[in-house]
Amino acid sequence: MATIFSKIIKGEIPCYKIAEDDRYFAFLDINPLAKGHILVIPKIENDYIFDLDDDLLAGLIVFSKKIAKALDKTMGAKRVGVAVIGIEVPHTHIHLVPLNEISDLNFANPKLKFSQEEFHATAELIKRAL
């Protein structure tokens, strides 16, 4: 059965896409910890990041770096935090979260709410910085 992320990649579920290539896909998290919180995923379904072959894992990190640099340019945060948890969706994904304090990367924090227009504007801002 396809994961929710595979359905997003196929366009079966809408998202606020940031970037994609033949192997990776990045989109805004709709339950963000911060404005600009992005999920970066491989296009192949794989449950555990450390089961990826070395080339795919390395490429995922390099692809994520490009996205993080765009966040650096646009979100005004001190850093872009990186988290790989992988419990909630059985599809490898990296969280890129703009942060100013270490506590900004606490997944127990309340999730932020944005309108569709705010998500769209954020996505466009980040895409222009790529």
N, C-alpha and C. Protein backbone atom coordinates (compact mmCIF):
# COMPACT_ATOMS: atom_id res chain seq x y z
N MET A 1 0.84 -1.19 0.00
CA MET A 1 0.00 0.00 0.00
C MET A 1 0.88 1.25 0.00
N ALA A 2 0.53 2.20 -0.85
CA ALA A 2 1.33 3.42 -0.99
C ALA A 2 1.23 4.29 0.27
N THR A 3 2.34 4.87 0.64
CA THR A 3 2.34 5.79 1.78
C THR A 3 1.71 7.11 1.37
N ILE A 4 1.36 7.91 2.35
CA ILE A 4 0.82 9.25 2.07
C ILE A 4 1.83 10.07 1.27
N PHE A 5 3.12 9.87 1.53
CA PHE A 5 4.14 10.62 0.79
C PHE A 5 4.21 10.18 -0.67
N SER A 6 4.04 8.89 -0.94
CA SER A 6 4.01 8.42 -2.33
C SER A 6 2.81 9.01 -3.07
N LYS A 7 1.70 9.14 -2.36
CA LYS A 7 0.50 9.75 -2.96
C LYS A 7 0.73 11.23 -3.24
N ILE A 8 1.48 11.90 -2.39
CA ILE A 8 1.83 13.30 -2.62
C ILE A 8 2.71 13.41 -3.85
N ILE A 9 3.72 12.57 -3.96
CA ILE A 9 4.62 12.58 -5.11
C ILE A 9 3.84 12.40 -6.41
N LYS A 10 2.87 11.48 -6.40
CA LYS A 10 2.08 11.18 -7.60
C LYS A 10 1.02 12.24 -7.89
N GLY A 11 0.84 13.20 -6.99
CA GLY A 11 -0.15 14.24 -7.18
C GLY A 11 -1.55 13.83 -6.76
N GLU A 12 -1.68 12.68 -6.10
CA GLU A 12 -2.98 12.21 -5.63
C GLU A 12 -3.45 12.98 -4.41
N ILE A 13 -2.51 13.54 -3.66
CA ILE A 13 -2.80 14.39 -2.51
C ILE A 13 -2.06 15.70 -2.75
N PRO A 14 -2.74 16.84 -2.62
CA PRO A 14 -2.06 18.11 -2.88
C PRO A 14 -1.02 18.43 -1.82
N CYS A 15 -0.05 19.24 -2.22
CA CYS A 15 0.98 19.69 -1.29
C CYS A 15 1.49 21.05 -1.74
N TYR A 16 2.31 21.63 -0.92
CA TYR A 16 3.00 22.88 -1.25
C TYR A 16 4.44 22.49 -1.61
N LYS A 17 4.60 22.11 -2.87
CA LYS A 17 5.88 21.59 -3.35
C LYS A 17 6.93 22.70 -3.38
N ILE A 18 8.11 22.33 -2.93
CA ILE A 18 9.26 23.24 -2.95
C ILE A 18 10.18 22.88 -4.11
N ALA A 19 10.51 21.59 -4.26
CA ALA A 19 11.43 21.18 -5.31
C ALA A 19 11.32 19.67 -5.52
N GLU A 20 11.75 19.24 -6.69
CA GLU A 20 11.86 17.80 -6.94
C GLU A 20 12.86 17.58 -8.07
N ASP A 21 13.40 16.39 -8.09
CA ASP A 21 14.19 15.92 -9.22
C ASP A 21 13.78 14.47 -9.46
N ASP A 22 14.58 13.73 -10.18
CA ASP A 22 14.18 12.36 -10.51
C ASP A 22 14.18 11.42 -9.30
N ARG A 23 14.88 11.79 -8.21
CA ARG A 23 14.98 10.89 -7.05
C ARG A 23 14.41 11.44 -5.75
N TYR A 24 14.20 12.77 -5.65
CA TYR A 24 13.82 13.37 -4.37
C TYR A 24 12.69 14.38 -4.55
N PHE A 25 12.03 14.67 -3.44
CA PHE A 25 10.87 15.57 -3.44
C PHE A 25 10.86 16.33 -2.12
N ALA A 26 10.58 17.62 -2.17
CA ALA A 26 10.52 18.45 -0.95
C ALA A 26 9.24 19.26 -0.96
N PHE A 27 8.59 19.33 0.21
CA PHE A 27 7.33 20.05 0.32
C PHE A 27 7.15 20.55 1.75
N LEU A 28 6.31 21.57 1.90
CA LEU A 28 6.05 22.12 3.23
C LEU A 28 5.29 21.12 4.08
N ASP A 29 5.67 21.01 5.33
CA ASP A 29 4.94 20.22 6.30
C ASP A 29 3.65 20.98 6.63
N ILE A 30 2.50 20.32 6.55
CA ILE A 30 1.24 21.02 6.83
C ILE A 30 0.92 21.10 8.32
N ASN A 31 1.76 20.48 9.14
CA ASN A 31 1.67 20.59 10.60
C ASN A 31 3.02 21.07 11.12
N PRO A 32 3.40 22.30 10.76
CA PRO A 32 4.78 22.74 10.99
C PRO A 32 5.08 23.16 12.42
N LEU A 33 6.35 22.98 12.76
CA LEU A 33 6.88 23.52 14.01
C LEU A 33 7.25 24.99 13.84
N ALA A 34 7.55 25.39 12.61
CA ALA A 34 7.95 26.76 12.30
C ALA A 34 7.54 27.08 10.87
N LYS A 35 7.42 28.36 10.57
CA LYS A 35 7.15 28.77 9.20
C LYS A 35 8.33 28.31 8.34
N GLY A 36 8.02 27.60 7.25
CA GLY A 36 9.07 27.10 6.37
C GLY A 36 9.51 25.68 6.67
N HIS A 37 8.87 25.00 7.62
CA HIS A 37 9.19 23.60 7.96
C HIS A 37 8.93 22.74 6.72
N ILE A 38 9.98 22.07 6.27
CA ILE A 38 9.93 21.29 5.02
C ILE A 38 10.25 19.83 5.29
N LEU A 39 9.60 18.96 4.53
CA LEU A 39 9.91 17.54 4.52
C LEU A 39 10.62 17.22 3.20
N VAL A 40 11.71 16.49 3.29
CA VAL A 40 12.46 16.07 2.11
C VAL A 40 12.45 14.54 2.10
N ILE A 41 12.06 13.96 0.97
CA ILE A 41 11.88 12.52 0.89
C ILE A 41 12.49 11.96 -0.39
N PRO A 42 12.90 10.69 -0.34
CA PRO A 42 13.24 10.02 -1.59
C PRO A 42 11.93 9.62 -2.28
N LYS A 43 11.96 9.52 -3.58
CA LYS A 43 10.74 9.13 -4.29
C LYS A 43 10.43 7.65 -4.14
N ILE A 44 11.42 6.86 -3.81
CA ILE A 44 11.13 5.44 -3.57
C ILE A 44 10.62 5.28 -2.15
N GLU A 45 9.70 4.35 -1.97
CA GLU A 45 9.21 4.07 -0.62
C GLU A 45 10.24 3.25 0.12
N ASN A 46 10.62 3.74 1.27
CA ASN A 46 11.59 3.08 2.12
C ASN A 46 11.29 3.55 3.54
N ASP A 47 11.11 2.64 4.45
CA ASP A 47 10.66 2.98 5.80
C ASP A 47 11.76 3.58 6.68
N TYR A 48 13.00 3.14 6.53
CA TYR A 48 14.05 3.49 7.49
C TYR A 48 15.24 4.09 6.75
N ILE A 49 15.60 5.29 7.12
CA ILE A 49 16.64 6.03 6.40
C ILE A 49 17.94 5.23 6.26
N PHE A 50 18.30 4.45 7.27
CA PHE A 50 19.57 3.74 7.21
C PHE A 50 19.48 2.43 6.45
N ASP A 51 18.32 2.17 5.84
CA ASP A 51 18.20 1.06 4.88
C ASP A 51 18.38 1.54 3.45
N LEU A 52 18.49 2.87 3.25
CA LEU A 52 18.75 3.39 1.91
C LEU A 52 20.16 2.99 1.48
N ASP A 53 20.32 2.75 0.18
CA ASP A 53 21.69 2.47 -0.27
C ASP A 53 22.50 3.76 -0.14
N ASP A 54 23.80 3.62 -0.07
CA ASP A 54 24.68 4.76 0.22
C ASP A 54 24.51 5.91 -0.76
N ASP A 55 24.37 5.60 -2.06
CA ASP A 55 24.24 6.64 -3.07
C ASP A 55 22.94 7.42 -2.88
N LEU A 56 21.84 6.73 -2.61
CA LEU A 56 20.56 7.40 -2.42
C LEU A 56 20.57 8.24 -1.14
N LEU A 57 21.17 7.72 -0.08
CA LEU A 57 21.27 8.46 1.18
C LEU A 57 22.13 9.71 1.00
N ALA A 58 23.26 9.58 0.35
CA ALA A 58 24.13 10.74 0.12
C ALA A 58 23.41 11.79 -0.71
N GLY A 59 22.71 11.35 -1.74
CA GLY A 59 21.97 12.28 -2.58
C GLY A 59 20.85 12.98 -1.83
N LEU A 60 20.20 12.26 -0.91
CA LEU A 60 19.15 12.86 -0.09
C LEU A 60 19.70 13.99 0.77
N ILE A 61 20.89 13.78 1.31
CA ILE A 61 21.52 14.81 2.14
C ILE A 61 21.91 16.02 1.27
N VAL A 62 22.47 15.78 0.10
CA VAL A 62 22.87 16.89 -0.77
C VAL A 62 21.63 17.66 -1.24
N PHE A 63 20.56 16.96 -1.61
CA PHE A 63 19.31 17.61 -2.01
C PHE A 63 18.77 18.44 -0.85
N SER A 64 18.79 17.89 0.35
CA SER A 64 18.32 18.60 1.54
C SER A 64 19.14 19.86 1.80
N LYS A 65 20.43 19.80 1.54
CA LYS A 65 21.30 20.96 1.75
C LYS A 65 20.86 22.13 0.87
N LYS A 66 20.51 21.86 -0.39
CA LYS A 66 20.04 22.92 -1.28
C LYS A 66 18.78 23.58 -0.73
N ILE A 67 17.89 22.77 -0.22
CA ILE A 67 16.65 23.29 0.34
C ILE A 67 16.96 24.11 1.60
N ALA A 68 17.84 23.59 2.45
CA ALA A 68 18.21 24.29 3.69
C ALA A 68 18.84 25.65 3.38
N LYS A 69 19.64 25.73 2.35
CA LYS A 69 20.25 27.01 1.97
C LYS A 69 19.19 28.01 1.54
N ALA A 70 18.15 27.55 0.87
CA ALA A 70 17.04 28.44 0.49
C ALA A 70 16.30 28.90 1.75
N LEU A 71 16.14 28.02 2.73
CA LEU A 71 15.53 28.42 4.00
C LEU A 71 16.38 29.46 4.71
N ASP A 72 17.70 29.27 4.69
CA ASP A 72 18.61 30.26 5.29
C ASP A 72 18.38 31.65 4.70
N LYS A 73 18.16 31.71 3.40
CA LYS A 73 18.00 32.99 2.70
C LYS A 73 16.64 33.63 2.96
N THR A 74 15.64 32.85 3.33
CA THR A 74 14.28 33.37 3.33
C THR A 74 13.58 33.44 4.68
N MET A 75 13.94 32.63 5.62
CA MET A 75 13.14 32.52 6.85
C MET A 75 13.68 33.35 8.02
N GLY A 76 14.88 33.90 7.90
CA GLY A 76 15.39 34.77 8.95
C GLY A 76 15.71 34.07 10.26
N ALA A 77 15.90 32.78 10.22
CA ALA A 77 16.22 32.02 11.44
C ALA A 77 17.74 31.93 11.60
N LYS A 78 18.17 31.59 12.82
CA LYS A 78 19.60 31.42 13.09
C LYS A 78 20.18 30.20 12.38
N ARG A 79 19.39 29.14 12.32
CA ARG A 79 19.85 27.88 11.73
C ARG A 79 18.66 27.15 11.12
N VAL A 80 18.99 26.12 10.37
CA VAL A 80 17.98 25.17 9.92
C VAL A 80 18.28 23.88 10.66
N GLY A 81 17.35 23.48 11.51
CA GLY A 81 17.49 22.23 12.24
C GLY A 81 17.12 21.05 11.36
N VAL A 82 17.74 19.93 11.64
CA VAL A 82 17.50 18.71 10.87
C VAL A 82 17.08 17.61 11.83
N ALA A 83 16.00 16.92 11.48
CA ALA A 83 15.55 15.80 12.30
C ALA A 83 15.09 14.66 11.39
N VAL A 84 15.45 13.47 11.78
CA VAL A 84 14.97 12.26 11.13
C VAL A 84 14.37 11.42 12.24
N ILE A 85 13.06 11.26 12.19
CA ILE A 85 12.39 10.51 13.24
C ILE A 85 11.84 9.21 12.66
N GLY A 86 10.99 9.34 11.65
CA GLY A 86 10.57 8.17 10.90
C GLY A 86 9.60 7.24 11.58
N ILE A 87 8.92 7.69 12.59
CA ILE A 87 7.96 6.83 13.27
C ILE A 87 6.55 7.05 12.72
N GLU A 88 6.20 8.29 12.43
CA GLU A 88 4.83 8.63 12.09
C GLU A 88 4.40 8.24 10.67
N VAL A 89 5.30 8.22 9.72
CA VAL A 89 4.99 7.81 8.34
C VAL A 89 6.07 6.83 7.91
N PRO A 90 5.69 5.65 7.41
CA PRO A 90 6.69 4.64 7.03
C PRO A 90 7.34 4.93 5.67
N HIS A 91 7.88 6.12 5.53
CA HIS A 91 8.55 6.55 4.30
C HIS A 91 9.65 7.50 4.76
N THR A 92 10.89 7.17 4.47
CA THR A 92 12.02 8.00 4.90
C THR A 92 11.74 9.47 4.63
N HIS A 93 11.98 10.30 5.64
CA HIS A 93 11.84 11.75 5.45
C HIS A 93 12.72 12.51 6.43
N ILE A 94 13.22 13.62 5.94
CA ILE A 94 14.04 14.53 6.72
C ILE A 94 13.23 15.79 6.97
N HIS A 95 13.17 16.20 8.22
CA HIS A 95 12.54 17.48 8.58
C HIS A 95 13.60 18.56 8.54
N LEU A 96 13.34 19.65 7.83
CA LEU A 96 14.18 20.84 7.84
C LEU A 96 13.35 21.94 8.50
N VAL A 97 13.81 22.41 9.66
CA VAL A 97 13.01 23.34 10.46
C VAL A 97 13.83 24.59 10.77
N PRO A 98 13.37 25.76 10.29
CA PRO A 98 14.03 27.00 10.70
C PRO A 98 13.92 27.16 12.21
N LEU A 99 15.05 27.49 12.86
CA LEU A 99 14.99 27.63 14.31
C LEU A 99 15.90 28.72 14.83
N ASN A 100 15.49 29.25 15.97
CA ASN A 100 16.27 30.25 16.68
C ASN A 100 16.71 29.75 18.04
N GLU A 101 16.01 28.77 18.56
CA GLU A 101 16.31 28.17 19.85
C GLU A 101 16.27 26.65 19.69
N ILE A 102 17.01 25.93 20.49
CA ILE A 102 17.00 24.48 20.41
C ILE A 102 15.59 23.92 20.64
N SER A 103 14.83 24.59 21.48
CA SER A 103 13.47 24.14 21.78
C SER A 103 12.53 24.24 20.57
N ASP A 104 12.93 24.98 19.53
CA ASP A 104 12.11 25.09 18.33
C ASP A 104 12.01 23.77 17.58
N LEU A 105 12.89 22.83 17.89
CA LEU A 105 12.90 21.54 17.21
C LEU A 105 12.28 20.44 18.09
N ASN A 106 11.44 20.85 19.02
CA ASN A 106 10.77 19.90 19.90
C ASN A 106 9.42 19.53 19.28
N PHE A 107 9.29 18.28 18.87
CA PHE A 107 8.07 17.84 18.19
C PHE A 107 6.87 17.72 19.13
N ALA A 108 7.07 17.94 20.41
CA ALA A 108 5.95 18.00 21.35
C ALA A 108 5.35 19.41 21.38
N ASN A 109 6.03 20.39 20.79
CA ASN A 109 5.50 21.75 20.73
C ASN A 109 4.21 21.77 19.92
N PRO A 110 3.32 22.71 20.21
CA PRO A 110 2.11 22.85 19.40
C PRO A 110 2.48 23.16 17.95
N LYS A 111 1.74 22.58 17.04
CA LYS A 111 1.99 22.83 15.62
C LYS A 111 1.34 24.16 15.25
N LEU A 112 1.98 24.86 14.33
CA LEU A 112 1.48 26.16 13.88
C LEU A 112 0.37 25.97 12.84
N LYS A 113 -0.48 26.95 12.73
CA LYS A 113 -1.57 26.93 11.75
C LYS A 113 -1.38 28.09 10.79
N PHE A 114 -1.44 27.80 9.51
CA PHE A 114 -1.35 28.82 8.48
C PHE A 114 -2.49 28.63 7.49
N SER A 115 -2.89 29.71 6.86
CA SER A 115 -3.91 29.62 5.81
C SER A 115 -3.27 29.05 4.54
N GLN A 116 -4.11 28.63 3.61
CA GLN A 116 -3.60 28.15 2.32
C GLN A 116 -2.77 29.24 1.64
N GLU A 117 -3.23 30.46 1.76
CA GLU A 117 -2.52 31.58 1.14
C GLU A 117 -1.13 31.76 1.76
N GLU A 118 -1.05 31.61 3.09
CA GLU A 118 0.24 31.73 3.77
C GLU A 118 1.18 30.60 3.37
N PHE A 119 0.66 29.36 3.31
CA PHE A 119 1.49 28.24 2.86
C PHE A 119 1.99 28.49 1.44
N HIS A 120 1.09 28.90 0.58
CA HIS A 120 1.45 29.14 -0.82
C HIS A 120 2.53 30.22 -0.92
N ALA A 121 2.35 31.33 -0.21
CA ALA A 121 3.32 32.42 -0.25
C ALA A 121 4.68 31.97 0.28
N THR A 122 4.67 31.18 1.35
CA THR A 122 5.93 30.65 1.91
C THR A 122 6.63 29.76 0.91
N ALA A 123 5.87 28.87 0.28
CA ALA A 123 6.45 27.95 -0.71
C ALA A 123 7.06 28.74 -1.87
N GLU A 124 6.36 29.74 -2.35
CA GLU A 124 6.87 30.53 -3.47
C GLU A 124 8.14 31.29 -3.09
N LEU A 125 8.17 31.83 -1.89
CA LEU A 125 9.36 32.55 -1.41
C LEU A 125 10.57 31.63 -1.38
N ILE A 126 10.40 30.44 -0.84
CA ILE A 126 11.51 29.47 -0.75
C ILE A 126 11.93 29.01 -2.13
N LYS A 127 10.97 28.73 -3.01
CA LYS A 127 11.30 28.27 -4.36
C LYS A 127 12.11 29.32 -5.13
N ARG A 128 11.77 30.58 -4.93
CA ARG A 128 12.52 31.65 -5.62
C ARG A 128 13.97 31.71 -5.14
N ALA A 129 14.22 31.26 -3.92
CA ALA A 129 15.59 31.30 -3.37
C ALA A 129 16.43 30.10 -3.79
N LEU A 130 15.83 29.13 -4.43
CA LEU A 130 16.60 27.95 -4.86
C LEU A 130 17.48 28.27 -6.05
